[in-house]
Amino acid sequence: MANKLYEYLSFDKAHVQLLEEDNKVGGKDLCMKGIFIQGDVRNQNQRVYPVREIARAVNSITEKLSGGQSVMGELDHPEELSINLDRVSHLITEMWMDGADGYGKLKIVPTPMGNIVKTLLQSGAKLGVSSRGSGNVGDDGAVSDFEIITVDIVAQPSAPNAFPRTIYESLFNMKGGSRVMGTAREALTEAAAQRQLVKDIQRFIQELKI
């Protein structure tokens, strides 16, 4: 039986960058672009992804995108490998190989979770990306039969091997967290709700620092 494999990369200039791109309706799309998974190096989880495994997995995602399929990602990792539509925050738009690494680009979408990601980033929060997939891990840590399910957006780990604090659960555990989620849903269509979401997220970030 294949293992669930999560691999984290921090938000920094060496890994993932933010950019804005013009969209078809005259607005701007917020995107993240950079390394999604690293090959031929022993990572913080003591796993090694051979380049051939990453290349095959990246090619599989590229074929899905070329065939018109949507590859959606979530805010934080769920326990399962399937996609939860109520937690989708972005779409994977491209993936490619550069040397030993798998690169990609994702677009933040205006869902409740996407609005939270966008506001967090615009408020100065440092987020990262994490591949979610399956595969077999040998005794030497080498991964085989690797398949990328998606790439999720996660809170930046504070130290190696540190699992990120779950933003989704944190929202509901904090004072006023349910209000943030409600405002995120309203922000899909209401400008006033978008402004309130910024204030709620900024308050959320301050509470995380306490």
C-alpha atoms as a PDB file:
ATOM      1  CA  MET A   1       0.000   0.000   0.000  1.00  0.00           C
ATOM      2  CA  ALA A   2       1.400   3.402  -0.979  1.00  0.00           C
ATOM      3  CA  ASN A   3       2.246   5.969   1.697  1.00  0.00           C
ATOM      4  CA  LYS A   4       0.823   9.485   1.888  1.00  0.00           C
ATOM      5  CA  LEU A   5       3.734  11.833   1.242  1.00  0.00           C
ATOM      6  CA  TYR A   6       3.805  15.529   2.216  1.00  0.00           C
ATOM      7  CA  GLU A   7       6.848  17.681   1.453  1.00  0.00           C
ATOM      8  CA  TYR A   8       7.142  21.317   2.573  1.00  0.00           C
ATOM      9  CA  LEU A   9       8.943  24.233   0.959  1.00  0.00           C
ATOM     10  CA  SER A  10       9.108  27.644   2.607  1.00  0.00           C
ATOM     11  CA  PHE A  11       8.001  30.914   1.031  1.00  0.00           C
ATOM     12  CA  ASP A  12      11.228  32.699   0.130  1.00  0.00           C
ATOM     13  CA  LYS A  13      13.110  33.944  -2.912  1.00  0.00           C
ATOM     14  CA  ALA A  14      14.893  30.613  -3.326  1.00  0.00           C
ATOM     15  CA  HIS A  15      11.724  28.568  -3.482  1.00  0.00           C
ATOM     16  CA  VAL A  16       8.384  30.261  -4.113  1.00  0.00           C
ATOM     17  CA  GLN A  17       7.692  33.782  -5.347  1.00  0.00           C
ATOM     18  CA  LEU A  18       4.556  35.896  -5.544  1.00  0.00           C
ATOM     19  CA  LEU A  19       3.523  37.560  -8.787  1.00  0.00           C
ATOM     20  CA  GLU A  20       0.500  39.259 -10.300  1.00  0.00           C
ATOM     21  CA  GLU A  21      -0.710  38.505 -13.809  1.00  0.00           C
ATOM     22  CA  ASP A  22      -3.374  40.112 -15.999  1.00  0.00           C
ATOM     23  CA  ASN A  23      -6.468  37.976 -16.402  1.00  0.00           C
ATOM     24  CA  LYS A  24      -9.052  37.774 -19.196  1.00  0.00           C
ATOM     25  CA  VAL A  25     -11.526  40.125 -17.517  1.00  0.00           C
ATOM     26  CA  GLY A  26      -9.097  43.019 -17.088  1.00  0.00           C
ATOM     27  CA  GLY A  27      -8.137  42.312 -13.487  1.00  0.00           C
ATOM     28  CA  LYS A  28      -5.136  40.808 -11.763  1.00  0.00           C
ATOM     29  CA  ASP A  29      -4.560  37.224 -10.621  1.00  0.00           C
ATOM     30  CA  LEU A  30      -2.323  36.577  -7.613  1.00  0.00           C
ATOM     31  CA  CYS A  31      -0.014  33.640  -8.304  1.00  0.00           C
ATOM     32  CA  MET A  32       2.761  31.707  -6.567  1.00  0.00           C
ATOM     33  CA  LYS A  33       5.567  30.307  -8.688  1.00  0.00           C
ATOM     34  CA  GLY A  34       8.696  28.301  -7.959  1.00  0.00           C
ATOM     35  CA  ILE A  35       9.961  24.925  -6.774  1.00  0.00           C
ATOM     36  CA  PHE A  36       7.150  22.581  -5.794  1.00  0.00           C
ATOM     37  CA  ILE A  37       9.279  19.512  -5.032  1.00  0.00           C
ATOM     38  CA  GLN A  38      13.036  18.887  -4.931  1.00  0.00           C
ATOM     39  CA  GLY A  39      14.779  15.883  -6.422  1.00  0.00           C
ATOM     40  CA  ASP A  40      17.920  13.877  -5.669  1.00  0.00           C
ATOM     41  CA  VAL A  41      18.405  15.434  -2.213  1.00  0.00           C
ATOM     42  CA  ARG A  42      17.607  13.998   1.220  1.00  0.00           C
ATOM     43  CA  ASN A  43      14.906  16.300   2.565  1.00  0.00           C
ATOM     44  CA  GLN A  44      13.894  17.109   6.132  1.00  0.00           C
ATOM     45  CA  ASN A  45      11.659  14.023   6.163  1.00  0.00           C
ATOM     46  CA  GLN A  46      14.711  11.916   5.278  1.00  0.00           C
ATOM     47  CA  ARG A  47      13.216  10.989   1.929  1.00  0.00           C
ATOM     48  CA  VAL A  48      14.936  11.143  -1.464  1.00  0.00           C
ATOM     49  CA  TYR A  49      12.946  11.637  -4.669  1.00  0.00           C
ATOM     50  CA  PRO A  50      14.886  10.373  -7.714  1.00  0.00           C
ATOM     51  CA  VAL A  51      14.667  12.745 -10.655  1.00  0.00           C
ATOM     52  CA  ARG A  52      12.981  10.102 -12.813  1.00  0.00           C
ATOM     53  CA  GLU A  53      10.177   9.776 -10.235  1.00  0.00           C
ATOM     54  CA  ILE A  54       9.585  13.513 -10.073  1.00  0.00           C
ATOM     55  CA  ALA A  55       9.753  13.883 -13.858  1.00  0.00           C
ATOM     56  CA  ARG A  56       7.156  11.159 -14.347  1.00  0.00           C
ATOM     57  CA  ALA A  57       4.841  12.679 -11.711  1.00  0.00           C
ATOM     58  CA  VAL A  58       5.232  16.196 -13.164  1.00  0.00           C
ATOM     59  CA  ASN A  59       4.511  14.859 -16.660  1.00  0.00           C
ATOM     60  CA  SER A  60       1.318  13.264 -15.343  1.00  0.00           C
ATOM     61  CA  ILE A  61       0.116  16.639 -13.970  1.00  0.00           C
ATOM     62  CA  THR A  62       1.059  18.353 -17.238  1.00  0.00           C
ATOM     63  CA  GLU A  63      -0.968  15.832 -19.219  1.00  0.00           C
ATOM     64  CA  LYS A  64      -3.998  16.442 -17.000  1.00  0.00           C
ATOM     65  CA  LEU A  65      -3.718  20.194 -17.495  1.00  0.00           C
ATOM     66  CA  SER A  66      -3.220  19.805 -21.258  1.00  0.00           C
ATOM     67  CA  GLY A  67      -6.317  17.609 -21.366  1.00  0.00           C
ATOM     68  CA  GLY A  68      -8.425  20.327 -19.783  1.00  0.00           C
ATOM     69  CA  GLN A  69      -8.601  18.869 -16.281  1.00  0.00           C
ATOM     70  CA  SER A  70      -8.480  21.119 -13.218  1.00  0.00           C
ATOM     71  CA  VAL A  71      -5.817  20.420 -10.608  1.00  0.00           C
ATOM     72  CA  MET A  72      -7.030  22.095  -7.433  1.00  0.00           C
ATOM     73  CA  GLY A  73      -5.139  22.666  -4.191  1.00  0.00           C
ATOM     74  CA  GLU A  74      -6.194  23.456  -0.648  1.00  0.00           C
ATOM     75  CA  LEU A  75      -5.299  25.733   2.228  1.00  0.00           C
ATOM     76  CA  ASP A  76      -3.391  23.320   4.495  1.00  0.00           C
ATOM     77  CA  HIS A  77      -3.266  19.544   4.126  1.00  0.00           C
ATOM     78  CA  PRO A  78      -6.274  17.353   4.796  1.00  0.00           C
ATOM     79  CA  GLU A  79      -5.847  13.904   6.291  1.00  0.00           C
ATOM     80  CA  GLU A  80      -6.840  12.245   3.024  1.00  0.00           C
ATOM     81  CA  LEU A  81      -5.469  12.453  -0.505  1.00  0.00           C
ATOM     82  CA  SER A  82      -8.786  13.439  -2.099  1.00  0.00           C
ATOM     83  CA  ILE A  83      -9.641  17.097  -2.777  1.00  0.00           C
ATOM     84  CA  ASN A  84     -12.159  18.810  -0.481  1.00  0.00           C
ATOM     85  CA  LEU A  85     -14.010  21.344  -2.636  1.00  0.00           C
ATOM     86  CA  ASP A  86     -14.978  23.507   0.355  1.00  0.00           C
ATOM     87  CA  ARG A  87     -11.281  24.047   1.149  1.00  0.00           C
ATOM     88  CA  VAL A  88      -9.952  24.762  -2.352  1.00  0.00           C
ATOM     89  CA  SER A  89      -7.867  27.952  -2.434  1.00  0.00           C
ATOM     90  CA  HIS A  90      -6.022  27.767  -5.756  1.00  0.00           C
ATOM     91  CA  LEU A  91      -5.530  26.055  -9.100  1.00  0.00           C
ATOM     92  CA  ILE A  92      -2.295  24.552 -10.367  1.00  0.00           C
ATOM     93  CA  THR A  93      -1.815  26.127 -13.791  1.00  0.00           C
ATOM     94  CA  GLU A  94       1.617  24.821 -14.822  1.00  0.00           C
ATOM     95  CA  MET A  95       4.261  22.286 -13.815  1.00  0.00           C
ATOM     96  CA  TRP A  96       7.634  21.609 -15.396  1.00  0.00           C
ATOM     97  CA  MET A  97      11.077  20.206 -14.687  1.00  0.00           C
ATOM     98  CA  ASP A  98      14.157  22.379 -14.234  1.00  0.00           C
ATOM     99  CA  GLY A  99      17.220  20.299 -13.465  1.00  0.00           C
ATOM    100  CA  ALA A 100      16.421  17.891 -10.639  1.00  0.00           C
ATOM    101  CA  ASP A 101      13.438  19.869  -9.342  1.00  0.00           C
ATOM    102  CA  GLY A 102       9.755  20.057 -10.147  1.00  0.00           C
ATOM    103  CA  TYR A 103       8.606  23.656 -10.642  1.00  0.00           C
ATOM    104  CA  GLY A 104       5.108  25.011 -10.967  1.00  0.00           C
ATOM    105  CA  LYS A 105       2.725  27.927 -10.814  1.00  0.00           C
ATOM    106  CA  LEU A 106      -0.547  28.178  -8.933  1.00  0.00           C
ATOM    107  CA  LYS A 107      -3.290  30.798  -9.114  1.00  0.00           C
ATOM    108  CA  ILE A 108      -5.203  31.955  -6.037  1.00  0.00           C
ATOM    109  CA  VAL A 109      -8.949  31.741  -6.719  1.00  0.00           C
ATOM    110  CA  PRO A 110     -11.726  33.848  -5.102  1.00  0.00           C
ATOM    111  CA  THR A 111     -13.164  31.104  -2.890  1.00  0.00           C
ATOM    112  CA  PRO A 112     -13.470  31.600   0.896  1.00  0.00           C
ATOM    113  CA  MET A 113     -10.137  29.810   1.405  1.00  0.00           C
ATOM    114  CA  GLY A 114      -8.568  31.634  -1.533  1.00  0.00           C
ATOM    115  CA  ASN A 115      -9.675  34.956  -0.050  1.00  0.00           C
ATOM    116  CA  ILE A 116      -8.017  33.984   3.228  1.00  0.00           C
ATOM    117  CA  VAL A 117      -4.767  33.102   1.429  1.00  0.00           C
ATOM    118  CA  LYS A 118      -4.801  36.356  -0.540  1.00  0.00           C
ATOM    119  CA  THR A 119      -5.461  38.483   2.526  1.00  0.00           C
ATOM    120  CA  LEU A 120      -2.829  36.665   4.575  1.00  0.00           C
ATOM    121  CA  LEU A 121      -0.225  37.270   1.871  1.00  0.00           C
ATOM    122  CA  GLN A 122      -1.210  40.908   1.409  1.00  0.00           C
ATOM    123  CA  SER A 123      -1.028  41.376   5.194  1.00  0.00           C
ATOM    124  CA  GLY A 124       2.567  40.139   5.250  1.00  0.00           C
ATOM    125  CA  ALA A 125       2.115  36.529   6.348  1.00  0.00           C
ATOM    126  CA  LYS A 126       4.767  34.124   5.080  1.00  0.00           C
ATOM    127  CA  LEU A 127       3.230  31.046   3.530  1.00  0.00           C
ATOM    128  CA  GLY A 128       4.788  28.115   1.744  1.00  0.00           C
ATOM    129  CA  VAL A 129       3.783  25.259  -0.522  1.00  0.00           C
ATOM    130  CA  SER A 130       3.698  21.550   0.114  1.00  0.00           C
ATOM    131  CA  SER A 131       3.286  18.721  -2.352  1.00  0.00           C
ATOM    132  CA  ARG A 132       0.691  16.086  -1.517  1.00  0.00           C
ATOM    133  CA  GLY A 133       1.149  12.691  -3.094  1.00  0.00           C
ATOM    134  CA  SER A 134       1.592   8.977  -2.691  1.00  0.00           C
ATOM    135  CA  GLY A 135       4.432   6.547  -3.165  1.00  0.00           C
ATOM    136  CA  ASN A 136       6.546   3.819  -1.642  1.00  0.00           C
ATOM    137  CA  VAL A 137       9.543   4.584   0.560  1.00  0.00           C
ATOM    138  CA  GLY A 138      12.466   2.160   0.699  1.00  0.00           C
ATOM    139  CA  ASP A 139      14.675   1.448   3.691  1.00  0.00           C
ATOM    140  CA  ASP A 140      17.196   3.947   2.315  1.00  0.00           C
ATOM    141  CA  GLY A 141      14.519   6.661   2.066  1.00  0.00           C
ATOM    142  CA  ALA A 142      14.276   6.491  -1.729  1.00  0.00           C
ATOM    143  CA  VAL A 143      10.761   7.087  -3.062  1.00  0.00           C
ATOM    144  CA  SER A 144       9.307   4.966  -5.857  1.00  0.00           C
ATOM    145  CA  ASP A 145       5.954   4.849  -7.677  1.00  0.00           C
ATOM    146  CA  PHE A 146       5.516   8.523  -6.828  1.00  0.00           C
ATOM    147  CA  GLU A 147       2.327  10.342  -7.823  1.00  0.00           C
ATOM    148  CA  ILE A 148       1.625  14.036  -7.177  1.00  0.00           C
ATOM    149  CA  ILE A 149      -2.004  14.583  -6.194  1.00  0.00           C
ATOM    150  CA  THR A 150      -1.686  18.355  -5.817  1.00  0.00           C
ATOM    151  CA  VAL A 151       0.325  21.133  -4.196  1.00  0.00           C
ATOM    152  CA  ASP A 152      -1.231  22.846  -1.165  1.00  0.00           C
ATOM    153  CA  ILE A 153      -0.575  26.191   0.492  1.00  0.00           C
ATOM    154  CA  VAL A 154       0.627  25.868   4.087  1.00  0.00           C
ATOM    155  CA  ALA A 155       1.875  27.961   6.970  1.00  0.00           C
ATOM    156  CA  GLN A 156       5.654  28.204   6.926  1.00  0.00           C
ATOM    157  CA  PRO A 157       7.203  25.716   9.370  1.00  0.00           C
ATOM    158  CA  SER A 158       9.247  27.454  12.095  1.00  0.00           C
ATOM    159  CA  ALA A 159      11.876  24.704  12.203  1.00  0.00           C
ATOM    160  CA  PRO A 160      12.892  21.559  10.277  1.00  0.00           C
ATOM    161  CA  ASN A 161      10.402  18.712  10.716  1.00  0.00           C
ATOM    162  CA  ALA A 162       7.869  21.110  12.274  1.00  0.00           C
ATOM    163  CA  PHE A 163       4.344  20.399  11.055  1.00  0.00           C
ATOM    164  CA  PRO A 164       2.634  23.705  10.252  1.00  0.00           C
ATOM    165  CA  ARG A 165      -0.175  24.949  12.466  1.00  0.00           C
ATOM    166  CA  THR A 166      -3.458  24.244  10.692  1.00  0.00           C
ATOM    167  CA  ILE A 167      -4.882  27.584   9.580  1.00  0.00           C
ATOM    168  CA  TYR A 168      -8.341  26.182   8.933  1.00  0.00           C
ATOM    169  CA  GLU A 169      -8.657  24.692  12.440  1.00  0.00           C
ATOM    170  CA  SER A 170      -6.991  27.720  14.044  1.00  0.00           C
ATOM    171  CA  LEU A 171      -9.665  29.980  12.592  1.00  0.00           C
ATOM    172  CA  PHE A 172     -12.403  28.076  14.371  1.00  0.00           C
ATOM    173  CA  ASN A 173     -10.478  27.798  17.638  1.00  0.00           C
ATOM    174  CA  MET A 174      -9.662  31.509  17.875  1.00  0.00           C
ATOM    175  CA  LYS A 175     -12.027  34.151  19.199  1.00  0.00           C
ATOM    176  CA  GLY A 176     -14.090  35.416  16.268  1.00  0.00           C
ATOM    177  CA  GLY A 177     -12.774  32.716  13.940  1.00  0.00           C
ATOM    178  CA  SER A 178     -16.189  31.777  12.607  1.00  0.00           C
ATOM    179  CA  ARG A 179     -16.697  35.462  11.730  1.00  0.00           C
ATOM    180  CA  VAL A 180     -13.551  35.380   9.582  1.00  0.00           C
ATOM    181  CA  MET A 181     -14.906  32.415   7.632  1.00  0.00           C
ATOM    182  CA  GLY A 182     -18.285  34.093   7.216  1.00  0.00           C
ATOM    183  CA  THR A 183     -16.645  37.274   5.978  1.00  0.00           C
ATOM    184  CA  ALA A 184     -14.496  35.256   3.566  1.00  0.00           C
ATOM    185  CA  ARG A 185     -17.629  33.825   1.969  1.00  0.00           C
ATOM    186  CA  GLU A 186     -19.283  37.261   1.742  1.00  0.00           C
ATOM    187  CA  ALA A 187     -16.095  38.682   0.199  1.00  0.00           C
ATOM    188  CA  LEU A 188     -16.813  36.717  -2.947  1.00  0.00           C
ATOM    189  CA  THR A 189     -19.303  39.398  -4.004  1.00  0.00           C
ATOM    190  CA  GLU A 190     -19.259  42.311  -1.554  1.00  0.00           C
ATOM    191  CA  ALA A 191     -16.582  45.010  -1.528  1.00  0.00           C
ATOM    192  CA  ALA A 192     -17.369  45.967   2.091  1.00  0.00           C
ATOM    193  CA  ALA A 193     -16.875  42.340   3.142  1.00  0.00           C
ATOM    194  CA  GLN A 194     -13.518  42.288   1.356  1.00  0.00           C
ATOM    195  CA  ARG A 195     -12.371  45.263   3.426  1.00  0.00           C
ATOM    196  CA  GLN A 196     -13.634  43.635   6.625  1.00  0.00           C
ATOM    197  CA  LEU A 197     -11.838  40.400   5.725  1.00  0.00           C
ATOM    198  CA  VAL A 198      -8.536  42.278   5.633  1.00  0.00           C
ATOM    199  CA  LYS A 199      -9.180  43.591   9.160  1.00  0.00           C
ATOM    200  CA  ASP A 200     -10.217  40.153  10.465  1.00  0.00           C
ATOM    201  CA  ILE A 201      -7.173  38.444   8.965  1.00  0.00           C
ATOM    202  CA  GLN A 202      -4.826  41.089  10.357  1.00  0.00           C
ATOM    203  CA  ARG A 203      -6.339  40.472  13.806  1.00  0.00           C
ATOM    204  CA  PHE A 204      -5.888  36.726  13.241  1.00  0.00           C
ATOM    205  CA  ILE A 205      -2.199  37.189  12.390  1.00  0.00           C
ATOM    206  CA  GLN A 206      -1.665  39.271  15.534  1.00  0.00           C
ATOM    207  CA  GLU A 207      -3.212  36.538  17.682  1.00  0.00           C
ATOM    208  CA  LEU A 208      -0.932  33.947  16.095  1.00  0.00           C
ATOM    209  CA  LYS A 209       2.070  36.000  17.224  1.00  0.00           C
ATOM    210  CA  ILE A 210       0.923  36.136  20.864  1.00  0.00           C
END
